[in-house]
Amino acid sequence: MAGAVTYDWTHVLRLHEVARGPMIVTLAPDEAQRARIARALDLVSLPSFTVHLTLKSWMDGVEITG
């Protein structure tokens, strides 16, 4: 496994958006982002990568499933 990993692929969500009700989010890095992720994780390649998440308000934070 690779050493320390710096994550430069981020997606900002505002907590007040989740407070209005469940929020479904799909994240899919583009080719350049996937190449950086693959290098950071010492992978030969990462031809596809999609994340489907459901965010719900929970206590004073957010519950994330997916």
N, C-alpha and C. Protein backbone atom coordinates (compact mmCIF):
# COMPACT_ATOMS: atom_id res chain seq x y z
N MET A 1 0.84 -1.18 0.00
CA MET A 1 0.00 0.00 0.00
C MET A 1 0.88 1.23 0.00
N ALA A 2 0.39 2.29 -0.59
CA ALA A 2 1.13 3.55 -0.67
C ALA A 2 1.27 4.16 0.72
N GLY A 3 2.21 5.11 0.83
CA GLY A 3 2.41 5.82 2.09
C GLY A 3 1.28 6.81 2.33
N ALA A 4 1.64 7.97 2.86
CA ALA A 4 0.64 9.00 3.14
C ALA A 4 -0.04 9.42 1.84
N VAL A 5 -1.34 9.54 1.90
CA VAL A 5 -2.12 9.89 0.71
C VAL A 5 -2.69 11.29 0.88
N THR A 6 -2.52 12.11 -0.16
CA THR A 6 -3.12 13.43 -0.17
C THR A 6 -4.32 13.37 -1.10
N TYR A 7 -5.49 13.68 -0.59
CA TYR A 7 -6.70 13.61 -1.38
C TYR A 7 -6.99 14.99 -1.97
N ASP A 8 -6.93 15.08 -3.29
CA ASP A 8 -7.24 16.36 -3.93
C ASP A 8 -8.56 16.29 -4.69
N TRP A 9 -9.32 15.23 -4.46
CA TRP A 9 -10.64 15.11 -5.08
C TRP A 9 -11.66 15.29 -3.97
N THR A 10 -12.29 16.43 -3.93
CA THR A 10 -13.24 16.73 -2.88
C THR A 10 -14.56 17.20 -3.47
N HIS A 11 -15.60 17.12 -2.67
CA HIS A 11 -16.92 17.61 -3.06
C HIS A 11 -17.53 18.25 -1.81
N VAL A 12 -17.81 19.52 -1.88
CA VAL A 12 -18.33 20.26 -0.73
C VAL A 12 -19.85 20.22 -0.72
N LEU A 13 -20.40 19.86 0.43
CA LEU A 13 -21.85 19.90 0.65
C LEU A 13 -22.11 20.77 1.86
N ARG A 14 -23.15 21.53 1.81
CA ARG A 14 -23.53 22.40 2.92
C ARG A 14 -24.51 21.66 3.83
N LEU A 15 -24.23 21.68 5.12
CA LEU A 15 -25.07 20.97 6.08
C LEU A 15 -26.52 21.42 6.01
N HIS A 16 -26.77 22.70 5.78
CA HIS A 16 -28.15 23.18 5.72
C HIS A 16 -28.92 22.58 4.55
N GLU A 17 -28.22 22.16 3.48
CA GLU A 17 -28.89 21.51 2.35
C GLU A 17 -29.42 20.14 2.75
N VAL A 18 -28.67 19.43 3.57
CA VAL A 18 -29.08 18.10 4.03
C VAL A 18 -30.21 18.22 5.04
N ALA A 19 -30.25 19.30 5.80
CA ALA A 19 -31.28 19.47 6.83
C ALA A 19 -32.68 19.56 6.23
N ARG A 20 -32.79 19.90 4.96
CA ARG A 20 -34.11 20.02 4.32
C ARG A 20 -34.73 18.67 4.01
N GLY A 21 -33.96 17.62 4.05
CA GLY A 21 -34.47 16.28 3.74
C GLY A 21 -33.35 15.44 3.14
N PRO A 22 -33.58 14.15 2.98
CA PRO A 22 -32.55 13.28 2.42
C PRO A 22 -32.04 13.82 1.08
N MET A 23 -30.76 13.66 0.87
CA MET A 23 -30.11 14.16 -0.33
C MET A 23 -29.36 13.00 -0.98
N ILE A 24 -29.59 12.78 -2.26
CA ILE A 24 -28.89 11.73 -2.99
C ILE A 24 -27.82 12.39 -3.83
N VAL A 25 -26.59 11.90 -3.69
CA VAL A 25 -25.44 12.49 -4.37
C VAL A 25 -24.72 11.40 -5.15
N THR A 26 -24.37 11.69 -6.39
CA THR A 26 -23.54 10.80 -7.20
C THR A 26 -22.25 11.53 -7.51
N LEU A 27 -21.13 10.91 -7.17
CA LEU A 27 -19.82 11.49 -7.42
C LEU A 27 -19.09 10.62 -8.43
N ALA A 28 -18.50 11.24 -9.43
CA ALA A 28 -17.76 10.50 -10.45
C ALA A 28 -16.59 11.36 -10.93
N PRO A 29 -15.38 11.05 -10.48
CA PRO A 29 -14.23 11.84 -10.91
C PRO A 29 -13.98 11.67 -12.41
N ASP A 30 -13.45 12.73 -13.03
CA ASP A 30 -13.13 12.64 -14.45
C ASP A 30 -11.83 11.85 -14.64
N GLU A 31 -11.41 11.69 -15.88
CA GLU A 31 -10.24 10.85 -16.19
C GLU A 31 -8.98 11.34 -15.49
N ALA A 32 -8.74 12.64 -15.49
CA ALA A 32 -7.55 13.19 -14.84
C ALA A 32 -7.59 12.96 -13.33
N GLN A 33 -8.75 13.15 -12.73
CA GLN A 33 -8.89 12.92 -11.30
C GLN A 33 -8.69 11.45 -10.96
N ARG A 34 -9.23 10.55 -11.79
CA ARG A 34 -9.04 9.11 -11.55
C ARG A 34 -7.57 8.74 -11.66
N ALA A 35 -6.85 9.35 -12.59
CA ALA A 35 -5.41 9.08 -12.73
C ALA A 35 -4.67 9.50 -11.47
N ARG A 36 -5.02 10.66 -10.91
CA ARG A 36 -4.37 11.12 -9.67
C ARG A 36 -4.70 10.20 -8.50
N ILE A 37 -5.95 9.76 -8.42
CA ILE A 37 -6.35 8.84 -7.36
C ILE A 37 -5.58 7.53 -7.49
N ALA A 38 -5.47 7.02 -8.70
CA ALA A 38 -4.74 5.77 -8.94
C ALA A 38 -3.29 5.90 -8.51
N ARG A 39 -2.64 7.01 -8.88
CA ARG A 39 -1.24 7.23 -8.47
C ARG A 39 -1.12 7.31 -6.95
N ALA A 40 -2.04 8.04 -6.32
CA ALA A 40 -1.98 8.20 -4.87
C ALA A 40 -2.14 6.87 -4.14
N LEU A 41 -2.92 5.96 -4.71
CA LEU A 41 -3.17 4.66 -4.09
C LEU A 41 -2.29 3.55 -4.65
N ASP A 42 -1.32 3.93 -5.49
CA ASP A 42 -0.38 2.98 -6.09
C ASP A 42 -1.10 1.90 -6.90
N LEU A 43 -2.11 2.33 -7.68
CA LEU A 43 -2.85 1.43 -8.56
C LEU A 43 -2.32 1.57 -9.98
N VAL A 44 -2.39 0.51 -10.76
CA VAL A 44 -1.99 0.57 -12.16
C VAL A 44 -2.90 1.53 -12.92
N SER A 45 -4.20 1.43 -12.68
CA SER A 45 -5.16 2.34 -13.31
C SER A 45 -6.47 2.31 -12.52
N LEU A 46 -7.32 3.25 -12.84
CA LEU A 46 -8.65 3.32 -12.24
C LEU A 46 -9.59 3.75 -13.36
N PRO A 47 -10.01 2.78 -14.21
CA PRO A 47 -10.79 3.12 -15.41
C PRO A 47 -12.17 3.70 -15.13
N SER A 48 -12.74 3.39 -13.98
CA SER A 48 -14.04 3.98 -13.63
C SER A 48 -14.16 4.02 -12.12
N PHE A 49 -14.94 4.98 -11.65
CA PHE A 49 -15.13 5.13 -10.22
C PHE A 49 -16.34 6.03 -10.01
N THR A 50 -17.41 5.46 -9.49
CA THR A 50 -18.63 6.22 -9.23
C THR A 50 -19.12 5.88 -7.83
N VAL A 51 -19.53 6.89 -7.10
CA VAL A 51 -20.01 6.72 -5.74
C VAL A 51 -21.44 7.26 -5.67
N HIS A 52 -22.35 6.46 -5.14
CA HIS A 52 -23.74 6.87 -4.93
C HIS A 52 -23.97 6.94 -3.42
N LEU A 53 -24.32 8.12 -2.93
CA LEU A 53 -24.49 8.33 -1.50
C LEU A 53 -25.87 8.89 -1.19
N THR A 54 -26.37 8.53 -0.02
CA THR A 54 -27.58 9.15 0.52
C THR A 54 -27.18 9.82 1.82
N LEU A 55 -27.48 11.10 1.93
CA LEU A 55 -27.15 11.87 3.12
C LEU A 55 -28.44 12.27 3.82
N LYS A 56 -28.47 12.05 5.14
CA LYS A 56 -29.64 12.42 5.94
C LYS A 56 -29.17 13.14 7.19
N SER A 57 -29.93 14.13 7.60
CA SER A 57 -29.65 14.82 8.84
C SER A 57 -29.78 13.82 9.98
N TRP A 58 -28.82 13.84 10.91
CA TRP A 58 -28.85 12.91 12.05
C TRP A 58 -28.22 13.61 13.25
N MET A 59 -28.98 13.76 14.29
CA MET A 59 -28.56 14.48 15.49
C MET A 59 -27.99 15.83 15.08
N ASP A 60 -26.72 16.12 15.41
CA ASP A 60 -26.15 17.41 15.01
C ASP A 60 -25.18 17.25 13.85
N GLY A 61 -25.35 16.18 13.07
CA GLY A 61 -24.47 15.92 11.94
C GLY A 61 -25.22 15.31 10.78
N VAL A 62 -24.53 14.44 10.06
CA VAL A 62 -25.09 13.82 8.86
C VAL A 62 -24.80 12.33 8.87
N GLU A 63 -25.80 11.54 8.52
CA GLU A 63 -25.63 10.11 8.31
C GLU A 63 -25.42 9.90 6.82
N ILE A 64 -24.35 9.19 6.46
CA ILE A 64 -24.03 8.94 5.06
C ILE A 64 -24.07 7.44 4.82
N THR A 65 -24.86 7.02 3.83
CA THR A 65 -24.91 5.61 3.45
C THR A 65 -24.66 5.51 1.95
N GLY A 66 -24.17 4.37 1.55
CA GLY A 66 -23.95 4.16 0.12
C GLY A 66 -22.67 3.46 -0.15
